[in-house]
N, C-alpha and C. Protein backbone atom coordinates (compact mmCIF):
# COMPACT_ATOMS: atom_id res chain seq x y z
N MET A 1 103.11 113.41 105.73
CA MET A 1 102.71 113.95 104.56
C MET A 1 101.96 113.41 103.67
N ILE A 2 101.08 114.03 102.98
CA ILE A 2 99.98 113.63 102.25
C ILE A 2 100.43 113.30 101.03
N LEU A 3 101.07 112.15 100.45
CA LEU A 3 101.44 112.10 98.44
C LEU A 3 100.35 112.69 97.84
N TYR A 4 100.27 113.67 97.97
CA TYR A 4 99.24 114.50 96.70
C TYR A 4 99.02 113.91 95.47
N ASN A 5 100.08 113.78 95.00
CA ASN A 5 99.99 113.10 93.23
C ASN A 5 99.48 111.91 93.63
N LEU A 6 99.92 111.12 94.50
CA LEU A 6 99.38 109.64 94.32
C LEU A 6 97.96 109.86 94.70
N LYS A 7 97.57 110.39 95.71
CA LYS A 7 95.87 110.67 95.88
C LYS A 7 95.41 110.99 94.78
N LYS A 8 95.66 112.04 94.21
CA LYS A 8 94.93 112.78 93.06
C LYS A 8 95.28 111.62 91.88
N ALA A 9 96.29 111.13 91.31
CA ALA A 9 95.90 110.04 90.58
C ALA A 9 95.07 109.09 90.34
N ARG A 10 94.79 108.19 91.64
CA ARG A 10 94.27 107.30 91.82
C ARG A 10 92.57 108.27 91.73
N GLU A 11 92.51 109.07 92.51
CA GLU A 11 91.16 109.58 92.22
C GLU A 11 90.49 110.10 91.00
N GLN A 12 91.77 110.12 89.89
CA GLN A 12 90.99 110.85 88.53
C GLN A 12 91.06 109.52 87.64
N ALA A 13 91.63 108.45 88.49
CA ALA A 13 91.37 107.08 87.71
C ALA A 13 90.35 106.44 88.24
N GLY A 14 89.62 106.74 89.03
CA GLY A 14 88.17 106.36 89.54
C GLY A 14 88.52 105.14 90.52
N LEU A 15 89.38 105.18 91.24
CA LEU A 15 89.86 104.16 92.50
C LEU A 15 89.65 104.54 93.65
N THR A 16 89.25 103.65 94.49
CA THR A 16 89.11 104.10 95.78
C THR A 16 90.23 102.76 96.45
N MET A 17 90.87 103.02 97.78
CA MET A 17 91.59 103.02 98.88
C MET A 17 91.50 101.20 98.42
N ASP A 18 90.39 100.54 98.57
CA ASP A 18 90.23 99.46 98.27
C ASP A 18 90.61 98.79 96.94
N ASP A 19 90.47 99.36 96.26
CA ASP A 19 91.21 99.14 94.69
C ASP A 19 92.27 98.71 94.75
N MET A 20 92.91 100.19 95.07
CA MET A 20 94.58 99.97 95.29
C MET A 20 94.97 98.71 96.03
N GLY A 21 94.43 98.98 97.11
CA GLY A 21 94.97 97.61 98.33
C GLY A 21 94.71 96.84 97.57
N ASN A 22 93.55 96.00 97.23
CA ASN A 22 93.23 94.89 96.50
C ASN A 22 94.69 94.47 95.21
N ALA A 23 95.16 95.91 94.73
CA ALA A 23 95.96 95.73 93.20
C ALA A 23 97.76 95.35 93.82
N LEU A 24 97.58 96.04 94.66
CA LEU A 24 98.81 95.57 95.81
C LEU A 24 99.02 93.98 96.52
N GLY A 25 97.78 94.07 96.95
CA GLY A 25 97.80 92.93 97.52
C GLY A 25 97.48 92.94 98.97
N ILE A 26 97.47 94.18 99.73
CA ILE A 26 97.44 94.65 101.07
C ILE A 26 96.25 95.22 101.33
N SER A 27 95.97 95.37 102.83
CA SER A 27 94.28 96.01 102.97
C SER A 27 94.38 97.03 102.52
N LYS A 28 93.16 98.12 102.55
CA LYS A 28 92.74 99.48 102.53
C LYS A 28 93.70 100.25 103.59
N VAL A 29 93.73 99.71 104.81
CA VAL A 29 94.49 100.56 105.59
C VAL A 29 96.00 100.72 105.31
N ALA A 30 96.54 99.80 104.76
CA ALA A 30 98.02 99.46 104.91
C ALA A 30 98.25 100.72 103.34
N TYR A 31 97.06 100.37 102.34
CA TYR A 31 97.26 101.65 101.67
C TYR A 31 97.21 102.90 101.83
N TRP A 32 96.13 103.25 102.73
CA TRP A 32 96.16 104.36 103.50
C TRP A 32 97.51 104.52 103.77
N LYS A 33 97.92 103.78 104.64
CA LYS A 33 99.35 104.38 104.98
C LYS A 33 100.35 104.78 104.17
N ILE A 34 100.41 104.45 103.12
CA ILE A 34 101.35 104.49 101.99
C ILE A 34 100.69 105.73 101.37
N GLU A 35 99.74 105.98 100.87
CA GLU A 35 99.14 107.28 100.45
C GLU A 35 99.23 108.44 101.53
N HIS A 36 99.58 108.43 102.57
CA HIS A 36 99.51 109.32 103.71
C HIS A 36 100.73 109.45 104.72
N GLY A 37 102.17 108.55 103.78
CA GLY A 37 103.52 109.08 103.93
C GLY A 37 103.98 108.19 105.22
N LYS A 38 102.91 107.10 105.72
CA LYS A 38 103.31 106.24 106.90
C LYS A 38 103.92 105.09 106.55
N THR A 39 104.07 104.74 105.71
CA THR A 39 104.91 103.34 104.83
C THR A 39 105.38 103.88 103.54
N LYS A 40 106.82 103.22 104.07
CA LYS A 40 107.56 103.42 102.70
C LYS A 40 106.85 102.64 101.43
N LEU A 41 107.06 103.11 100.18
CA LEU A 41 106.51 102.56 99.18
C LEU A 41 107.78 102.05 98.16
N SER A 42 107.52 100.52 98.39
CA SER A 42 108.69 99.31 96.98
C SER A 42 108.87 99.99 95.80
N TYR A 43 109.82 99.66 95.10
CA TYR A 43 109.58 100.50 93.74
C TYR A 43 108.48 99.16 93.24
N LYS A 44 108.63 98.03 93.95
CA LYS A 44 107.65 97.11 93.05
C LYS A 44 105.90 97.69 92.76
N ASN A 45 106.02 98.10 94.23
CA ASN A 45 104.64 98.45 94.40
C ASN A 45 104.48 100.17 93.41
N ALA A 46 105.33 100.54 93.67
CA ALA A 46 104.96 102.32 92.96
C ALA A 46 105.10 101.46 91.45
N VAL A 47 105.71 100.64 90.53
CA VAL A 47 105.11 100.20 89.37
C VAL A 47 103.88 99.58 89.47
N ILE A 48 103.61 98.90 90.24
CA ILE A 48 101.97 98.27 90.10
C ILE A 48 100.73 99.52 90.07
N ILE A 49 101.62 100.54 90.97
CA ILE A 49 100.52 101.41 91.45
C ILE A 49 100.17 102.48 89.94
N SER A 50 101.64 102.59 89.17
CA SER A 50 101.42 103.46 88.22
C SER A 50 100.97 102.91 86.96
N LYS A 51 101.03 101.60 86.78
CA LYS A 51 100.10 100.85 85.85
C LYS A 51 98.53 101.00 86.15
N LYS A 52 98.48 100.68 87.42
CA LYS A 52 96.85 101.07 87.94
C LYS A 52 96.27 102.15 87.50
N VAL A 53 97.41 103.04 87.59
CA VAL A 53 95.95 104.67 87.49
C VAL A 53 96.69 105.24 86.19
N ASN A 54 97.56 104.41 85.18
CA ASN A 54 97.77 104.85 83.73
C ASN A 54 98.90 105.82 84.01
N LYS A 55 99.49 105.98 85.06
CA LYS A 55 100.50 107.22 85.05
C LYS A 55 101.91 106.82 84.78
N PRO A 56 102.92 107.56 84.91
CA PRO A 56 103.99 107.20 84.62
C PRO A 56 105.06 107.53 85.96
N ALA A 57 105.57 106.35 86.59
CA ALA A 57 105.64 106.65 88.01
C ALA A 57 106.42 108.00 88.26
N GLU A 58 107.30 108.58 87.78
CA GLU A 58 107.73 109.30 88.19
C GLU A 58 106.87 110.90 88.01
N ASP A 59 105.72 110.95 87.19
CA ASP A 59 104.76 111.87 87.23
C ASP A 59 103.83 111.97 88.96
N ILE A 60 104.07 110.39 89.41
CA ILE A 60 103.24 110.48 90.70
C ILE A 60 104.32 110.55 91.82
N PHE A 61 104.95 110.15 91.60
CA PHE A 61 106.23 110.27 93.13
C PHE A 61 107.16 111.37 93.01
N LEU A 62 107.92 111.68 91.83
CA LEU A 62 108.91 112.37 91.73
C LEU A 62 108.59 113.79 92.00
N GLN A 63 107.67 114.33 91.61
CA GLN A 63 107.40 115.52 91.55
C GLN A 63 107.30 116.03 93.30
N ASP A 64 106.67 115.09 94.13
CA ASP A 64 106.15 114.95 95.56
C ASP A 64 107.61 115.48 96.27
N GLU A 65 108.75 114.60 95.90
CA GLU A 65 109.96 114.65 96.36
C GLU A 65 110.40 115.79 96.03
N LEU A 66 110.39 116.30 94.95
CA LEU A 66 110.97 117.49 94.24
C LEU A 66 110.36 119.28 95.06
N ILE A 67 109.10 118.23 95.23
CA ILE A 67 108.16 119.64 95.98
C ILE A 67 108.59 119.70 97.46
N ASN A 68 108.85 118.63 97.91
CA ASN A 68 109.24 118.16 99.49
C ASN A 68 110.56 119.16 99.67
N LYS A 69 111.54 119.02 98.69
CA LYS A 69 112.76 119.43 98.95
C LYS A 69 112.83 121.02 98.77
N GLU A 70 111.81 121.52 97.59
CA GLU A 70 112.12 122.79 97.66
C GLU A 70 111.44 123.69 98.83
N LEU A 71 110.33 123.19 99.54
CA LEU A 71 109.73 123.52 100.84
C LEU A 71 110.55 123.89 101.60
N LYS A 72 111.67 122.89 102.08
CA LYS A 72 112.78 122.99 102.89
C LYS A 72 114.22 123.44 102.29
N GLY A 73 114.11 124.38 101.28
CA GLY A 73 114.96 125.05 100.97
C GLY A 73 116.15 124.36 100.11
N VAL A 74 115.93 123.00 99.82
CA VAL A 74 117.08 122.05 98.98
C VAL A 74 116.63 122.30 97.66
N THR A 75 117.96 122.44 96.87
CA THR A 75 117.43 122.10 95.39
C THR A 75 118.05 120.86 94.96
N ALA A 76 117.32 120.01 94.14
CA ALA A 76 117.60 118.71 93.41
C ALA A 76 118.83 119.05 92.63
């Protein structure tokens, strides 16, 4: 699943995947895997990302989780 809010926040901040990878100390490919849900995201990296895009972490990550649960018919 593509983490839509993560991608949207990055793009709104005018940042590339290279920029995000550099901020996290990882490659562009490793960041791509995070953004596409192929690699789990640590709390530490979620905080770094939220600061980099200047948005609260819950606005970026929590909403995706809630939407995913709703699509599967599970309520929070």
